[in-house]
N, C-alpha and C. Protein backbone atom coordinates (compact mmCIF):
# COMPACT_ATOMS: atom_id res chain seq x y z
N ARG A 1 23.47 -38.16 -10.37
CA ARG A 1 22.79 -39.43 -10.29
C ARG A 1 23.58 -40.44 -11.12
N GLN A 2 23.71 -41.64 -10.61
CA GLN A 2 24.46 -42.68 -11.33
C GLN A 2 23.50 -43.75 -11.85
N LEU A 3 23.86 -44.27 -13.04
CA LEU A 3 23.04 -45.29 -13.68
C LEU A 3 23.99 -46.21 -14.45
N ARG A 4 23.82 -47.51 -14.33
CA ARG A 4 24.68 -48.48 -15.02
C ARG A 4 23.95 -49.00 -16.26
N LEU A 5 24.60 -48.87 -17.42
CA LEU A 5 24.01 -49.33 -18.68
C LEU A 5 24.95 -50.31 -19.36
N GLU A 6 24.38 -51.30 -19.99
CA GLU A 6 25.13 -52.24 -20.82
C GLU A 6 25.38 -51.57 -22.17
N PRO A 7 26.36 -52.03 -22.96
CA PRO A 7 26.61 -51.44 -24.27
C PRO A 7 25.34 -51.46 -25.14
N HIS A 8 25.09 -50.34 -25.83
CA HIS A 8 23.96 -50.11 -26.72
C HIS A 8 22.61 -50.08 -25.99
N ALA A 9 22.62 -50.02 -24.67
CA ALA A 9 21.36 -49.93 -23.92
C ALA A 9 20.98 -48.46 -23.75
N GLU A 10 19.70 -48.22 -23.50
CA GLU A 10 19.18 -46.87 -23.28
C GLU A 10 18.36 -46.86 -22.01
N ALA A 11 18.31 -45.70 -21.40
CA ALA A 11 17.48 -45.53 -20.21
C ALA A 11 17.06 -44.07 -20.12
N ALA A 12 15.90 -43.85 -19.58
CA ALA A 12 15.40 -42.49 -19.36
C ALA A 12 15.63 -42.12 -17.90
N VAL A 13 16.08 -40.91 -17.69
CA VAL A 13 16.33 -40.41 -16.34
C VAL A 13 15.53 -39.12 -16.16
N ALA A 14 14.75 -39.06 -15.13
CA ALA A 14 13.97 -37.85 -14.84
C ALA A 14 14.77 -36.95 -13.91
N LEU A 15 14.86 -35.68 -14.28
CA LEU A 15 15.53 -34.69 -13.46
C LEU A 15 14.50 -33.69 -12.97
N ASN A 16 14.44 -33.48 -11.68
CA ASN A 16 13.54 -32.49 -11.10
C ASN A 16 14.38 -31.30 -10.65
N LEU A 17 14.12 -30.15 -11.24
CA LEU A 17 14.81 -28.93 -10.87
C LEU A 17 13.82 -28.04 -10.14
N ALA A 18 14.13 -27.70 -8.91
CA ALA A 18 13.24 -26.86 -8.13
C ALA A 18 14.06 -25.80 -7.39
N PRO A 19 14.17 -24.60 -7.99
CA PRO A 19 14.87 -23.53 -7.28
C PRO A 19 14.15 -23.23 -5.97
N PRO A 20 14.88 -22.92 -4.91
CA PRO A 20 14.22 -22.62 -3.63
C PRO A 20 13.38 -21.35 -3.73
N ARG A 21 12.31 -21.29 -2.99
CA ARG A 21 11.43 -20.12 -2.98
C ARG A 21 12.05 -19.07 -2.06
N GLN A 22 13.05 -18.38 -2.61
CA GLN A 22 13.78 -17.36 -1.87
C GLN A 22 14.07 -16.20 -2.82
N PRO A 23 14.26 -14.99 -2.28
CA PRO A 23 14.54 -13.84 -3.14
C PRO A 23 15.80 -14.00 -3.99
N ASP A 24 16.78 -14.79 -3.54
CA ASP A 24 18.00 -14.94 -4.33
C ASP A 24 17.84 -15.94 -5.48
N SER A 25 16.70 -16.61 -5.58
CA SER A 25 16.38 -17.45 -6.76
C SER A 25 15.62 -16.56 -7.74
N ARG A 26 16.33 -15.65 -8.38
CA ARG A 26 15.72 -14.61 -9.21
C ARG A 26 14.94 -15.19 -10.38
N SER A 27 13.84 -14.54 -10.70
CA SER A 27 13.05 -14.97 -11.84
C SER A 27 13.80 -14.65 -13.13
N GLY A 28 13.53 -15.44 -14.17
CA GLY A 28 14.18 -15.23 -15.47
C GLY A 28 14.48 -16.56 -16.13
N THR A 29 15.16 -16.49 -17.27
CA THR A 29 15.55 -17.71 -17.97
C THR A 29 17.07 -17.86 -17.87
N TYR A 30 17.49 -19.10 -17.66
CA TYR A 30 18.90 -19.39 -17.46
C TYR A 30 19.30 -20.56 -18.35
N PRO A 31 20.48 -20.44 -19.02
CA PRO A 31 20.97 -21.58 -19.80
C PRO A 31 21.48 -22.66 -18.84
N LEU A 32 21.27 -23.90 -19.20
CA LEU A 32 21.64 -25.01 -18.34
C LEU A 32 22.20 -26.12 -19.22
N GLU A 33 23.25 -26.78 -18.76
CA GLU A 33 23.82 -27.92 -19.47
C GLU A 33 23.71 -29.16 -18.61
N ILE A 34 23.26 -30.23 -19.23
CA ILE A 34 23.22 -31.52 -18.56
C ILE A 34 24.32 -32.35 -19.20
N ILE A 35 25.26 -32.79 -18.39
CA ILE A 35 26.43 -33.51 -18.89
C ILE A 35 26.39 -34.95 -18.41
N VAL A 36 26.61 -35.87 -19.35
CA VAL A 36 26.62 -37.31 -19.03
C VAL A 36 28.01 -37.85 -19.36
N THR A 37 28.60 -38.55 -18.40
CA THR A 37 29.92 -39.16 -18.60
C THR A 37 29.88 -40.60 -18.11
N SER A 38 30.96 -41.34 -18.42
CA SER A 38 31.09 -42.72 -17.96
C SER A 38 32.44 -42.86 -17.25
N PRO A 39 32.45 -43.49 -16.09
CA PRO A 39 33.74 -43.69 -15.42
C PRO A 39 34.65 -44.64 -16.21
N ASP A 40 34.04 -45.52 -17.02
CA ASP A 40 34.84 -46.45 -17.82
C ASP A 40 35.44 -45.76 -19.04
N TYR A 41 34.75 -44.72 -19.57
CA TYR A 41 35.23 -43.99 -20.74
C TYR A 41 35.18 -42.49 -20.45
N PRO A 42 36.10 -41.96 -19.64
CA PRO A 42 36.03 -40.55 -19.24
C PRO A 42 36.21 -39.57 -20.40
N GLU A 43 36.79 -40.02 -21.51
CA GLU A 43 36.99 -39.12 -22.65
C GLU A 43 35.71 -38.90 -23.45
N ILE A 44 34.69 -39.70 -23.25
CA ILE A 44 33.43 -39.54 -23.97
C ILE A 44 32.46 -38.77 -23.08
N VAL A 45 32.02 -37.64 -23.59
CA VAL A 45 31.11 -36.76 -22.85
C VAL A 45 29.92 -36.45 -23.74
N SER A 46 28.73 -36.55 -23.17
CA SER A 46 27.52 -36.17 -23.89
C SER A 46 26.91 -34.97 -23.16
N CYS A 47 26.49 -33.97 -23.94
CA CYS A 47 25.99 -32.73 -23.35
C CYS A 47 24.64 -32.38 -23.97
N CYS A 48 23.73 -31.93 -23.14
CA CYS A 48 22.41 -31.49 -23.60
C CYS A 48 22.18 -30.09 -23.04
N ARG A 49 21.93 -29.12 -23.93
CA ARG A 49 21.68 -27.74 -23.50
C ARG A 49 20.18 -27.51 -23.42
N VAL A 50 19.74 -26.95 -22.29
CA VAL A 50 18.33 -26.64 -22.08
C VAL A 50 18.24 -25.24 -21.48
N THR A 51 17.03 -24.74 -21.39
CA THR A 51 16.77 -23.44 -20.77
C THR A 51 15.87 -23.66 -19.56
N LEU A 52 16.30 -23.11 -18.44
CA LEU A 52 15.51 -23.19 -17.20
C LEU A 52 14.77 -21.87 -17.02
N SER A 53 13.46 -21.93 -16.89
CA SER A 53 12.66 -20.72 -16.66
C SER A 53 12.19 -20.70 -15.22
N VAL A 54 12.60 -19.68 -14.49
CA VAL A 54 12.17 -19.50 -13.10
C VAL A 54 11.08 -18.42 -13.13
N LYS A 55 9.89 -18.80 -12.77
CA LYS A 55 8.76 -17.87 -12.81
C LYS A 55 8.78 -16.97 -11.57
N PRO A 56 8.27 -15.74 -11.71
CA PRO A 56 8.25 -14.85 -10.55
C PRO A 56 7.17 -15.26 -9.55
N TYR A 57 7.46 -15.01 -8.31
CA TYR A 57 6.44 -15.12 -7.26
C TYR A 57 6.49 -13.84 -6.45
N TYR A 58 5.41 -13.51 -5.78
CA TYR A 58 5.31 -12.23 -5.08
C TYR A 58 4.97 -12.47 -3.61
N GLU A 59 5.73 -11.81 -2.75
CA GLU A 59 5.54 -11.94 -1.31
C GLU A 59 6.22 -10.74 -0.65
N PHE A 60 5.62 -10.22 0.41
CA PHE A 60 6.27 -9.12 1.14
C PHE A 60 5.90 -9.17 2.61
N ALA A 61 6.68 -8.44 3.40
CA ALA A 61 6.46 -8.38 4.84
C ALA A 61 6.48 -6.93 5.29
N VAL A 62 5.69 -6.63 6.30
CA VAL A 62 5.64 -5.30 6.89
C VAL A 62 6.05 -5.42 8.35
N GLU A 63 6.95 -4.54 8.77
CA GLU A 63 7.38 -4.53 10.16
C GLU A 63 6.53 -3.56 10.95
N ALA A 64 6.60 -3.67 12.27
CA ALA A 64 5.83 -2.79 13.14
C ALA A 64 6.34 -1.35 13.02
N LEU A 65 5.45 -0.41 13.30
CA LEU A 65 5.83 1.01 13.29
C LEU A 65 6.80 1.30 14.41
N VAL A 66 7.75 2.20 14.15
CA VAL A 66 8.70 2.61 15.18
C VAL A 66 8.68 4.13 15.23
N PRO A 67 8.24 4.75 16.31
CA PRO A 67 7.46 4.19 17.41
C PRO A 67 5.99 4.04 17.00
N LYS A 68 5.28 3.24 17.77
CA LYS A 68 3.87 2.98 17.46
C LYS A 68 2.96 4.10 17.96
N CYS A 69 3.32 4.68 19.10
CA CYS A 69 2.55 5.77 19.69
C CYS A 69 3.44 7.01 19.74
N LEU A 70 2.98 8.08 19.12
CA LEU A 70 3.75 9.32 19.03
C LEU A 70 3.10 10.40 19.87
N LYS A 71 3.94 11.21 20.51
CA LYS A 71 3.44 12.36 21.28
C LYS A 71 4.03 13.61 20.67
N ILE A 72 3.16 14.57 20.35
CA ILE A 72 3.59 15.83 19.77
C ILE A 72 3.51 16.89 20.85
N SER A 73 4.63 17.52 21.15
CA SER A 73 4.66 18.55 22.19
C SER A 73 4.12 19.87 21.63
N ARG A 74 4.11 20.88 22.49
CA ARG A 74 3.60 22.19 22.10
C ARG A 74 4.40 22.81 20.96
N PHE A 75 5.67 22.47 20.89
CA PHE A 75 6.58 23.13 19.95
C PHE A 75 6.71 22.38 18.62
N GLN A 76 6.01 21.28 18.47
CA GLN A 76 6.08 20.50 17.24
C GLN A 76 4.76 20.57 16.49
N ARG A 77 4.83 20.47 15.18
CA ARG A 77 3.62 20.43 14.35
C ARG A 77 3.34 19.02 13.84
N SER A 78 4.35 18.16 13.86
CA SER A 78 4.20 16.82 13.31
C SER A 78 5.12 15.85 14.04
N ALA A 79 4.95 14.57 13.75
CA ALA A 79 5.78 13.53 14.35
C ALA A 79 6.31 12.63 13.23
N LEU A 80 7.49 12.07 13.45
CA LEU A 80 8.14 11.24 12.45
C LEU A 80 8.23 9.81 12.97
N LEU A 81 7.89 8.85 12.10
CA LEU A 81 8.00 7.44 12.44
C LEU A 81 8.55 6.70 11.25
N SER A 82 8.86 5.41 11.42
CA SER A 82 9.39 4.57 10.33
C SER A 82 8.52 3.35 10.13
N LEU A 83 8.36 2.99 8.87
CA LEU A 83 7.64 1.78 8.49
C LEU A 83 8.60 0.92 7.69
N GLY A 84 8.80 -0.32 8.12
CA GLY A 84 9.70 -1.23 7.41
C GLY A 84 8.95 -2.14 6.46
N LEU A 85 9.42 -2.22 5.21
CA LEU A 85 8.84 -3.10 4.19
C LEU A 85 9.96 -3.95 3.61
N THR A 86 9.69 -5.25 3.43
CA THR A 86 10.66 -6.16 2.83
C THR A 86 10.03 -6.86 1.64
N ASN A 87 10.72 -6.81 0.50
CA ASN A 87 10.28 -7.52 -0.70
C ASN A 87 10.83 -8.94 -0.61
N ARG A 88 9.99 -9.91 -0.34
CA ARG A 88 10.41 -11.31 -0.25
C ARG A 88 10.17 -12.06 -1.57
N SER A 89 9.90 -11.31 -2.63
CA SER A 89 9.70 -11.90 -3.95
C SER A 89 11.04 -12.25 -4.58
N ASN A 90 10.98 -12.94 -5.71
CA ASN A 90 12.21 -13.24 -6.44
C ASN A 90 12.40 -12.29 -7.64
N CYS A 91 11.65 -11.18 -7.64
CA CYS A 91 11.78 -10.19 -8.70
C CYS A 91 11.49 -8.80 -8.12
N GLN A 92 11.88 -7.78 -8.87
CA GLN A 92 11.61 -6.41 -8.44
C GLN A 92 10.11 -6.19 -8.43
N ALA A 93 9.60 -5.46 -7.42
CA ALA A 93 8.16 -5.29 -7.31
C ALA A 93 7.80 -3.86 -6.90
N PRO A 94 6.65 -3.37 -7.40
CA PRO A 94 6.18 -2.03 -7.02
C PRO A 94 5.32 -2.09 -5.75
N PHE A 95 5.45 -1.05 -4.93
CA PHE A 95 4.70 -0.94 -3.69
C PHE A 95 3.99 0.40 -3.63
N ARG A 96 2.90 0.41 -2.86
CA ARG A 96 2.16 1.65 -2.58
C ARG A 96 1.88 1.67 -1.09
N VAL A 97 2.17 2.81 -0.46
CA VAL A 97 1.90 2.99 0.97
C VAL A 97 1.04 4.24 1.12
N SER A 98 -0.03 4.12 1.92
CA SER A 98 -0.91 5.26 2.15
C SER A 98 -1.30 5.31 3.62
N GLY A 99 -1.74 6.47 4.05
CA GLY A 99 -2.15 6.65 5.44
C GLY A 99 -3.59 7.12 5.54
N ALA A 100 -4.23 6.75 6.63
CA ALA A 100 -5.61 7.17 6.89
C ALA A 100 -5.78 7.33 8.39
N GLU A 101 -6.60 8.28 8.76
CA GLU A 101 -6.88 8.54 10.17
C GLU A 101 -8.38 8.56 10.36
N SER A 102 -8.87 8.16 11.53
CA SER A 102 -10.31 7.96 11.75
C SER A 102 -11.15 9.20 11.45
N THR A 103 -10.66 10.40 11.74
CA THR A 103 -11.45 11.61 11.45
C THR A 103 -11.14 12.17 10.07
N GLY A 104 -10.08 11.68 9.43
CA GLY A 104 -9.69 12.18 8.12
C GLY A 104 -9.00 13.52 8.16
N ARG A 105 -8.56 13.96 9.34
CA ARG A 105 -7.98 15.30 9.46
C ARG A 105 -6.45 15.30 9.53
N CYS A 106 -5.84 14.15 9.73
CA CYS A 106 -4.36 14.09 9.78
C CYS A 106 -3.79 14.04 8.38
N ARG A 107 -2.60 14.65 8.22
CA ARG A 107 -1.88 14.60 6.94
C ARG A 107 -0.72 13.62 7.08
N PHE A 108 -0.43 12.92 5.97
CA PHE A 108 0.67 11.95 5.95
C PHE A 108 1.62 12.31 4.81
N GLU A 109 2.92 12.28 5.11
CA GLU A 109 3.95 12.50 4.09
C GLU A 109 4.92 11.33 4.16
N PHE A 110 5.27 10.81 2.99
CA PHE A 110 6.13 9.63 2.89
C PHE A 110 7.41 9.99 2.14
N GLN A 111 8.52 9.44 2.58
CA GLN A 111 9.82 9.65 1.93
C GLN A 111 10.27 8.32 1.34
N PRO A 112 9.86 8.03 0.08
CA PRO A 112 10.22 6.74 -0.52
C PRO A 112 11.72 6.65 -0.82
N PRO A 113 12.25 5.43 -0.92
CA PRO A 113 13.67 5.27 -1.23
C PRO A 113 14.01 5.91 -2.58
N GLY A 114 15.11 6.64 -2.59
CA GLY A 114 15.57 7.26 -3.83
C GLY A 114 14.94 8.61 -4.14
N GLU A 115 13.95 9.05 -3.39
CA GLU A 115 13.30 10.34 -3.60
C GLU A 115 13.95 11.40 -2.70
N THR A 116 14.04 12.61 -3.20
CA THR A 116 14.62 13.69 -2.40
C THR A 116 13.56 14.52 -1.69
N THR A 117 12.32 14.43 -2.14
CA THR A 117 11.24 15.16 -1.50
C THR A 117 10.19 14.19 -0.97
N ALA A 118 9.49 14.63 0.06
CA ALA A 118 8.43 13.81 0.64
C ALA A 118 7.18 13.91 -0.23
N LEU A 119 6.41 12.82 -0.27
CA LEU A 119 5.18 12.77 -1.05
C LEU A 119 3.98 12.75 -0.11
N ALA A 120 2.98 13.56 -0.41
CA ALA A 120 1.79 13.66 0.44
C ALA A 120 0.79 12.57 0.09
N HIS A 121 0.02 12.14 1.07
CA HIS A 121 -1.09 11.20 0.97
C HIS A 121 -0.66 9.74 0.74
N HIS A 122 0.19 9.51 -0.27
CA HIS A 122 0.63 8.15 -0.54
C HIS A 122 1.97 8.19 -1.29
N ALA A 123 2.63 7.05 -1.35
CA ALA A 123 3.89 6.94 -2.09
C ALA A 123 3.92 5.62 -2.83
N GLU A 124 4.48 5.64 -4.04
CA GLU A 124 4.69 4.42 -4.81
C GLU A 124 6.17 4.32 -5.13
N PHE A 125 6.73 3.12 -4.99
CA PHE A 125 8.15 2.91 -5.21
C PHE A 125 8.40 1.44 -5.50
N TRP A 126 9.62 1.12 -5.97
CA TRP A 126 10.01 -0.24 -6.30
C TRP A 126 11.05 -0.73 -5.30
N LEU A 127 11.00 -2.03 -5.00
CA LEU A 127 12.03 -2.66 -4.17
C LEU A 127 12.58 -3.87 -4.91
N ALA A 128 13.90 -4.04 -4.83
CA ALA A 128 14.56 -5.19 -5.44
C ALA A 128 14.27 -6.45 -4.63
N PRO A 129 14.48 -7.63 -5.18
CA PRO A 129 14.26 -8.87 -4.43
C PRO A 129 15.12 -8.90 -3.17
N GLY A 130 14.50 -9.20 -2.04
CA GLY A 130 15.22 -9.28 -0.77
C GLY A 130 15.52 -7.94 -0.13
N GLU A 131 15.16 -6.83 -0.78
CA GLU A 131 15.47 -5.50 -0.25
C GLU A 131 14.48 -5.10 0.84
N THR A 132 15.01 -4.44 1.87
CA THR A 132 14.19 -3.89 2.95
C THR A 132 14.32 -2.39 2.93
N ALA A 133 13.21 -1.69 3.03
CA ALA A 133 13.22 -0.22 3.07
C ALA A 133 12.58 0.23 4.38
N LEU A 134 13.26 1.14 5.07
CA LEU A 134 12.68 1.81 6.22
C LEU A 134 12.13 3.13 5.71
N LEU A 135 10.83 3.22 5.60
CA LEU A 135 10.17 4.36 4.99
C LEU A 135 9.82 5.39 6.06
N PRO A 136 10.47 6.57 6.03
CA PRO A 136 10.09 7.62 6.98
C PRO A 136 8.69 8.15 6.66
N VAL A 137 7.87 8.30 7.69
CA VAL A 137 6.50 8.79 7.53
C VAL A 137 6.30 9.94 8.52
N ARG A 138 5.84 11.08 8.02
CA ARG A 138 5.56 12.23 8.88
C ARG A 138 4.04 12.34 9.03
N VAL A 139 3.57 12.36 10.28
CA VAL A 139 2.14 12.47 10.58
C VAL A 139 1.90 13.86 11.18
N SER A 140 0.99 14.60 10.56
CA SER A 140 0.66 15.95 11.03
C SER A 140 -0.81 15.99 11.40
N PRO A 141 -1.11 16.12 12.71
CA PRO A 141 -2.52 16.23 13.11
C PRO A 141 -3.07 17.61 12.75
N PRO A 142 -4.39 17.80 12.86
CA PRO A 142 -4.98 19.10 12.55
C PRO A 142 -4.50 20.16 13.54
N PRO A 143 -4.74 21.43 13.23
CA PRO A 143 -4.34 22.49 14.17
C PRO A 143 -4.88 22.21 15.57
N ARG A 144 -4.05 22.53 16.54
CA ARG A 144 -4.39 22.21 17.94
C ARG A 144 -5.25 23.29 18.58
N HIS A 145 -5.94 22.85 19.62
CA HIS A 145 -6.72 23.79 20.42
C HIS A 145 -5.76 24.66 21.22
N LEU A 146 -6.17 25.90 21.46
CA LEU A 146 -5.32 26.82 22.21
C LEU A 146 -5.23 26.39 23.67
N LEU A 147 -6.37 26.00 24.23
CA LEU A 147 -6.39 25.59 25.63
C LEU A 147 -6.92 24.16 25.74
N GLY A 148 -6.42 23.46 26.72
CA GLY A 148 -6.89 22.11 26.95
C GLY A 148 -6.09 21.47 28.07
N LEU A 149 -6.66 20.44 28.67
CA LEU A 149 -5.99 19.78 29.78
C LEU A 149 -5.32 18.47 29.37
N ARG A 150 -5.79 17.88 28.29
CA ARG A 150 -5.26 16.57 27.88
C ARG A 150 -4.79 16.59 26.43
N ARG A 151 -3.96 15.60 26.14
CA ARG A 151 -3.55 15.40 24.75
C ARG A 151 -4.70 14.76 23.99
N LYS A 152 -4.90 15.19 22.75
CA LYS A 152 -5.95 14.61 21.93
C LYS A 152 -5.34 13.49 21.09
N PRO A 153 -5.89 12.26 21.22
CA PRO A 153 -5.33 11.15 20.43
C PRO A 153 -5.98 11.07 19.04
N TYR A 154 -5.15 10.74 18.05
CA TYR A 154 -5.61 10.48 16.69
C TYR A 154 -5.11 9.09 16.32
N HIS A 155 -6.03 8.19 16.03
CA HIS A 155 -5.68 6.83 15.65
C HIS A 155 -5.58 6.75 14.12
N PHE A 156 -4.50 6.17 13.63
CA PHE A 156 -4.31 6.11 12.19
C PHE A 156 -3.85 4.72 11.77
N THR A 157 -3.95 4.47 10.48
CA THR A 157 -3.45 3.22 9.90
C THR A 157 -2.59 3.55 8.69
N LEU A 158 -1.56 2.74 8.48
CA LEU A 158 -0.74 2.82 7.28
C LEU A 158 -0.95 1.52 6.52
N THR A 159 -1.35 1.63 5.26
CA THR A 159 -1.66 0.45 4.45
C THR A 159 -0.58 0.30 3.38
N SER A 160 0.02 -0.89 3.33
CA SER A 160 1.05 -1.22 2.35
C SER A 160 0.47 -2.24 1.38
N THR A 161 0.63 -1.96 0.09
CA THR A 161 0.11 -2.83 -0.96
C THR A 161 1.20 -3.11 -1.97
N MET A 162 1.35 -4.39 -2.32
CA MET A 162 2.25 -4.75 -3.42
C MET A 162 1.40 -4.68 -4.68
N LEU A 163 1.82 -3.86 -5.64
CA LEU A 163 1.01 -3.62 -6.84
C LEU A 163 1.13 -4.72 -7.88
N ALA A 164 2.03 -5.67 -7.68
CA ALA A 164 2.17 -6.82 -8.59
C ALA A 164 1.70 -8.07 -7.86
N GLY A 165 1.27 -9.06 -8.60
CA GLY A 165 0.81 -10.30 -7.97
C GLY A 165 -0.55 -10.10 -7.31
N ARG A 166 -0.91 -11.04 -6.51
CA ARG A 166 -2.22 -10.99 -5.84
C ARG A 166 -2.05 -11.03 -4.34
N GLN A 167 -1.18 -10.17 -3.84
CA GLN A 167 -0.94 -10.11 -2.41
C GLN A 167 -2.01 -9.26 -1.73
N THR A 168 -2.39 -9.67 -0.53
CA THR A 168 -3.34 -8.91 0.27
C THR A 168 -2.62 -7.70 0.86
N ALA A 169 -3.30 -6.57 0.89
CA ALA A 169 -2.73 -5.37 1.50
C ALA A 169 -2.54 -5.61 2.99
N ARG A 170 -1.53 -5.00 3.56
CA ARG A 170 -1.23 -5.16 4.99
C ARG A 170 -1.35 -3.80 5.66
N THR A 171 -1.98 -3.78 6.81
CA THR A 171 -2.23 -2.54 7.52
C THR A 171 -1.64 -2.61 8.92
N VAL A 172 -0.97 -1.53 9.33
CA VAL A 172 -0.47 -1.42 10.70
C VAL A 172 -1.11 -0.18 11.32
N ALA A 173 -1.37 -0.27 12.60
CA ALA A 173 -2.05 0.82 13.31
C ALA A 173 -1.07 1.59 14.18
N GLY A 174 -1.37 2.86 14.36
CA GLY A 174 -0.56 3.71 15.23
C GLY A 174 -1.42 4.78 15.84
N GLN A 175 -0.79 5.60 16.68
CA GLN A 175 -1.53 6.65 17.36
C GLN A 175 -0.60 7.85 17.53
N VAL A 176 -1.15 9.05 17.34
CA VAL A 176 -0.44 10.27 17.61
C VAL A 176 -1.27 11.09 18.59
N LYS A 177 -0.60 11.62 19.62
CA LYS A 177 -1.30 12.43 20.64
C LYS A 177 -0.77 13.85 20.55
N SER A 178 -1.69 14.79 20.39
CA SER A 178 -1.34 16.18 20.20
C SER A 178 -1.64 16.98 21.48
N THR A 179 -0.63 17.73 21.94
CA THR A 179 -0.77 18.55 23.15
C THR A 179 -1.36 19.91 22.77
N PRO A 180 -2.32 20.41 23.55
CA PRO A 180 -2.86 21.75 23.28
C PRO A 180 -1.75 22.81 23.41
N LEU A 181 -1.91 23.93 22.70
CA LEU A 181 -0.94 25.00 22.77
C LEU A 181 -0.95 25.64 24.15
């Protein structure tokens, strides 16, 4: 910003600093220098050191299940799907994912990022700002009937919750169909 001043004159200048609301505008404190110069006297420089504090904000997105409808053949006991989660916050954030089925008889196993073993019922993990995780989820319906003519459908939901901030939990629906033995 340019401002013309007469000798020994003073003026106040308002500076508005607004980091964009994006994951790459990381939360934290940053040193900042405001430098004032004159084109008439380039050798004279005035500097003011300040601290910029970027406060955290929390936001996330959930992608659709891939695939949304699963079919389990006679030779399978479970089905595997993926759930995509993206941390759109400007700071690292904790997440929790859990599964539920209408009859309560299906089992869910989650493979969170960085874990070597699957976790039953629910999983908690952290995502960096802007990071997307494709979370493998294994759905196991109850033991199948020996005889039957049709596949039995089980409707389930996967609920994703950001444990920081005041974000609303997000739920996606899916279905698994189990073939009789």
